[in-house]
């Protein structure tokens, strides 16, 4: 079965890098993207159909933190990874408390991404 990922990232170059990295690690993976949290909420597929969700922490409109809270409020258990340059431990801990499964730092570390995706496969 083909793996499906959702990437919510407002930066076009960051989206390109993530899509490329995911598809190299998981050949044949399908990566759906949205530029902001509002678009993601309107996604007709629904969050439960993805194997993993990647969310930028800081986006125009409302944040990745708020998006995580809304997803978890719907009892969706899909793993969610915050992708961020943020180093504030308090903020990152709040993301974990809100329901993020993990944090991936920018610039993207492909080895860390691979470990994360390998965990999904096991």
C-alpha atoms as a PDB file:
ATOM      1  CA  UNK A   1       0.000   0.000   0.000  1.00  0.00           C
ATOM      2  CA  UNK A   2       1.321   3.435  -0.948  1.00  0.00           C
ATOM      3  CA  UNK A   3       2.281   5.662   1.984  1.00  0.00           C
ATOM      4  CA  UNK A   4       0.499   9.009   2.179  1.00  0.00           C
ATOM      5  CA  UNK A   5       1.867  12.078   3.898  1.00  0.00           C
ATOM      6  CA  UNK A   6       0.517  15.552   4.513  1.00  0.00           C
ATOM      7  CA  UNK A   7       2.875  18.525   4.598  1.00  0.00           C
ATOM      8  CA  UNK A   8       1.596  21.894   5.810  1.00  0.00           C
ATOM      9  CA  UNK A   9       4.346  24.417   5.079  1.00  0.00           C
ATOM     10  CA  UNK A  10       4.073  28.020   3.864  1.00  0.00           C
ATOM     11  CA  UNK A  11       7.607  28.224   2.411  1.00  0.00           C
ATOM     12  CA  UNK A  12       7.729  26.883  -1.151  1.00  0.00           C
ATOM     13  CA  UNK A  13      11.411  25.912  -1.031  1.00  0.00           C
ATOM     14  CA  UNK A  14      10.967  24.098   2.305  1.00  0.00           C
ATOM     15  CA  UNK A  15       8.006  22.197   0.802  1.00  0.00           C
ATOM     16  CA  UNK A  16      10.120  21.168  -2.175  1.00  0.00           C
ATOM     17  CA  UNK A  17      12.950  19.930   0.088  1.00  0.00           C
ATOM     18  CA  UNK A  18      10.580  17.917   2.299  1.00  0.00           C
ATOM     19  CA  UNK A  19       8.743  16.341  -0.628  1.00  0.00           C
ATOM     20  CA  UNK A  20      12.017  15.394  -2.280  1.00  0.00           C
ATOM     21  CA  UNK A  21      13.433  13.924   0.943  1.00  0.00           C
ATOM     22  CA  UNK A  22      10.278  11.943   1.790  1.00  0.00           C
ATOM     23  CA  UNK A  23      10.032  10.497  -1.716  1.00  0.00           C
ATOM     24  CA  UNK A  24      13.704   9.462  -1.682  1.00  0.00           C
ATOM     25  CA  UNK A  25      13.285   7.747   1.688  1.00  0.00           C
ATOM     26  CA  UNK A  26       9.908   6.191   0.880  1.00  0.00           C
ATOM     27  CA  UNK A  27       9.823   5.472  -2.863  1.00  0.00           C
ATOM     28  CA  UNK A  28       6.342   5.873  -4.304  1.00  0.00           C
ATOM     29  CA  UNK A  29       5.145   7.952  -1.357  1.00  0.00           C
ATOM     30  CA  UNK A  30       2.373  10.411  -2.051  1.00  0.00           C
ATOM     31  CA  UNK A  31       2.867  13.812  -0.403  1.00  0.00           C
ATOM     32  CA  UNK A  32      -0.057  16.203  -0.342  1.00  0.00           C
ATOM     33  CA  UNK A  33       0.807  19.796   0.517  1.00  0.00           C
ATOM     34  CA  UNK A  34      -0.918  22.881   1.812  1.00  0.00           C
ATOM     35  CA  UNK A  35       0.530  26.365   2.237  1.00  0.00           C
ATOM     36  CA  UNK A  36      -1.302  27.086   5.480  1.00  0.00           C
ATOM     37  CA  UNK A  37      -3.346  25.547   8.253  1.00  0.00           C
ATOM     38  CA  UNK A  38      -6.665  26.817   6.882  1.00  0.00           C
ATOM     39  CA  UNK A  39      -6.116  24.990   3.590  1.00  0.00           C
ATOM     40  CA  UNK A  40      -5.194  21.858   5.504  1.00  0.00           C
ATOM     41  CA  UNK A  41      -8.402  22.025   7.535  1.00  0.00           C
ATOM     42  CA  UNK A  42     -10.389  22.185   4.306  1.00  0.00           C
ATOM     43  CA  UNK A  43      -8.601  19.117   2.917  1.00  0.00           C
ATOM     44  CA  UNK A  44     -11.276  16.810   1.553  1.00  0.00           C
ATOM     45  CA  UNK A  45      -9.195  13.718   2.397  1.00  0.00           C
ATOM     46  CA  UNK A  46      -9.385  14.293   6.125  1.00  0.00           C
ATOM     47  CA  UNK A  47      -6.428  13.892   8.442  1.00  0.00           C
ATOM     48  CA  UNK A  48      -7.095  10.262   9.347  1.00  0.00           C
ATOM     49  CA  UNK A  49      -6.146   9.030   5.857  1.00  0.00           C
ATOM     50  CA  UNK A  50      -2.476  10.050   6.156  1.00  0.00           C
ATOM     51  CA  UNK A  51       0.346   7.931   7.535  1.00  0.00           C
ATOM     52  CA  UNK A  52       2.080  11.009   8.949  1.00  0.00           C
ATOM     53  CA  UNK A  53       1.436  14.755   9.078  1.00  0.00           C
ATOM     54  CA  UNK A  54       4.247  17.329   8.960  1.00  0.00           C
ATOM     55  CA  UNK A  55       3.357  20.831  10.136  1.00  0.00           C
ATOM     56  CA  UNK A  56       5.394  24.033  10.077  1.00  0.00           C
ATOM     57  CA  UNK A  57       5.116  25.749  13.437  1.00  0.00           C
ATOM     58  CA  UNK A  58       4.942  29.343  12.215  1.00  0.00           C
ATOM     59  CA  UNK A  59       2.615  30.120   9.310  1.00  0.00           C
ATOM     60  CA  UNK A  60       0.453  33.063   8.284  1.00  0.00           C
ATOM     61  CA  UNK A  61      -3.074  32.878   9.630  1.00  0.00           C
ATOM     62  CA  UNK A  62      -3.010  30.420  12.443  1.00  0.00           C
ATOM     63  CA  UNK A  63      -0.033  28.432  13.603  1.00  0.00           C
ATOM     64  CA  UNK A  64       0.946  24.813  13.389  1.00  0.00           C
ATOM     65  CA  UNK A  65       0.448  24.657  17.158  1.00  0.00           C
ATOM     66  CA  UNK A  66      -3.199  25.635  16.735  1.00  0.00           C
ATOM     67  CA  UNK A  67      -3.593  23.156  13.871  1.00  0.00           C
ATOM     68  CA  UNK A  68      -2.286  20.314  16.027  1.00  0.00           C
ATOM     69  CA  UNK A  69      -4.779  21.155  18.761  1.00  0.00           C
ATOM     70  CA  UNK A  70      -7.644  21.116  16.240  1.00  0.00           C
ATOM     71  CA  UNK A  71      -6.542  17.794  14.749  1.00  0.00           C
ATOM     72  CA  UNK A  72      -6.237  16.149  18.161  1.00  0.00           C
ATOM     73  CA  UNK A  73      -9.600  17.587  19.226  1.00  0.00           C
ATOM     74  CA  UNK A  74     -11.108  15.401  16.484  1.00  0.00           C
ATOM     75  CA  UNK A  75      -9.466  12.322  18.087  1.00  0.00           C
ATOM     76  CA  UNK A  76      -7.230  11.763  15.070  1.00  0.00           C
ATOM     77  CA  UNK A  77      -4.202   9.721  16.142  1.00  0.00           C
ATOM     78  CA  UNK A  78      -2.054  10.105  13.017  1.00  0.00           C
ATOM     79  CA  UNK A  79       1.532  10.990  14.009  1.00  0.00           C
ATOM     80  CA  UNK A  80       2.223  14.723  13.682  1.00  0.00           C
ATOM     81  CA  UNK A  81       5.699  16.193  13.428  1.00  0.00           C
ATOM     82  CA  UNK A  82       6.385  19.874  13.968  1.00  0.00           C
ATOM     83  CA  UNK A  83       8.953  21.162  11.463  1.00  0.00           C
ATOM     84  CA  UNK A  84      10.569  24.333  12.763  1.00  0.00           C
ATOM     85  CA  UNK A  85      13.573  26.566  13.320  1.00  0.00           C
ATOM     86  CA  UNK A  86      12.208  27.323  16.802  1.00  0.00           C
ATOM     87  CA  UNK A  87      14.569  26.603  19.698  1.00  0.00           C
ATOM     88  CA  UNK A  88      12.357  27.742  22.582  1.00  0.00           C
ATOM     89  CA  UNK A  89      12.032  24.594  24.712  1.00  0.00           C
ATOM     90  CA  UNK A  90       8.880  25.876  26.393  1.00  0.00           C
ATOM     91  CA  UNK A  91       7.140  26.362  23.048  1.00  0.00           C
ATOM     92  CA  UNK A  92       8.300  22.975  21.754  1.00  0.00           C
ATOM     93  CA  UNK A  93       7.133  21.263  24.949  1.00  0.00           C
ATOM     94  CA  UNK A  94       3.737  22.926  24.510  1.00  0.00           C
ATOM     95  CA  UNK A  95       3.564  21.425  21.012  1.00  0.00           C
ATOM     96  CA  UNK A  96       4.246  17.958  22.420  1.00  0.00           C
ATOM     97  CA  UNK A  97       1.598  18.476  25.107  1.00  0.00           C
ATOM     98  CA  UNK A  98      -0.861  19.579  22.414  1.00  0.00           C
ATOM     99  CA  UNK A  99      -0.321  16.321  20.538  1.00  0.00           C
ATOM    100  CA  UNK A 100       2.771  16.579  18.344  1.00  0.00           C
ATOM    101  CA  UNK A 101       4.519  13.218  18.154  1.00  0.00           C
ATOM    102  CA  UNK A 102       7.937  14.654  17.339  1.00  0.00           C
ATOM    103  CA  UNK A 103       9.913  17.701  16.309  1.00  0.00           C
ATOM    104  CA  UNK A 104      12.077  18.005  13.218  1.00  0.00           C
ATOM    105  CA  UNK A 105      14.388  20.983  13.044  1.00  0.00           C
ATOM    106  CA  UNK A 106      15.093  23.190  10.054  1.00  0.00           C
ATOM    107  CA  UNK A 107      17.276  23.120   8.117  1.00  0.00           C
ATOM    108  CA  UNK A 108      16.099  19.625   7.307  1.00  0.00           C
ATOM    109  CA  UNK A 109      18.290  16.782   8.540  1.00  0.00           C
ATOM    110  CA  UNK A 110      17.536  13.912   6.158  1.00  0.00           C
ATOM    111  CA  UNK A 111      18.944  11.328   8.580  1.00  0.00           C
ATOM    112  CA  UNK A 112      16.532  12.486  11.285  1.00  0.00           C
ATOM    113  CA  UNK A 113      13.666  12.388   8.787  1.00  0.00           C
ATOM    114  CA  UNK A 114      14.653   8.862   7.785  1.00  0.00           C
ATOM    115  CA  UNK A 115      14.656   7.716  11.433  1.00  0.00           C
ATOM    116  CA  UNK A 116      11.219   9.226  11.865  1.00  0.00           C
ATOM    117  CA  UNK A 117       9.793   7.576   8.752  1.00  0.00           C
ATOM    118  CA  UNK A 118      11.395   4.253   9.678  1.00  0.00           C
ATOM    119  CA  UNK A 119       9.607   4.428  13.036  1.00  0.00           C
ATOM    120  CA  UNK A 120       6.327   4.798  11.136  1.00  0.00           C
ATOM    121  CA  UNK A 121       7.100   1.629   9.181  1.00  0.00           C
ATOM    122  CA  UNK A 122       7.687  -0.450  12.303  1.00  0.00           C
END
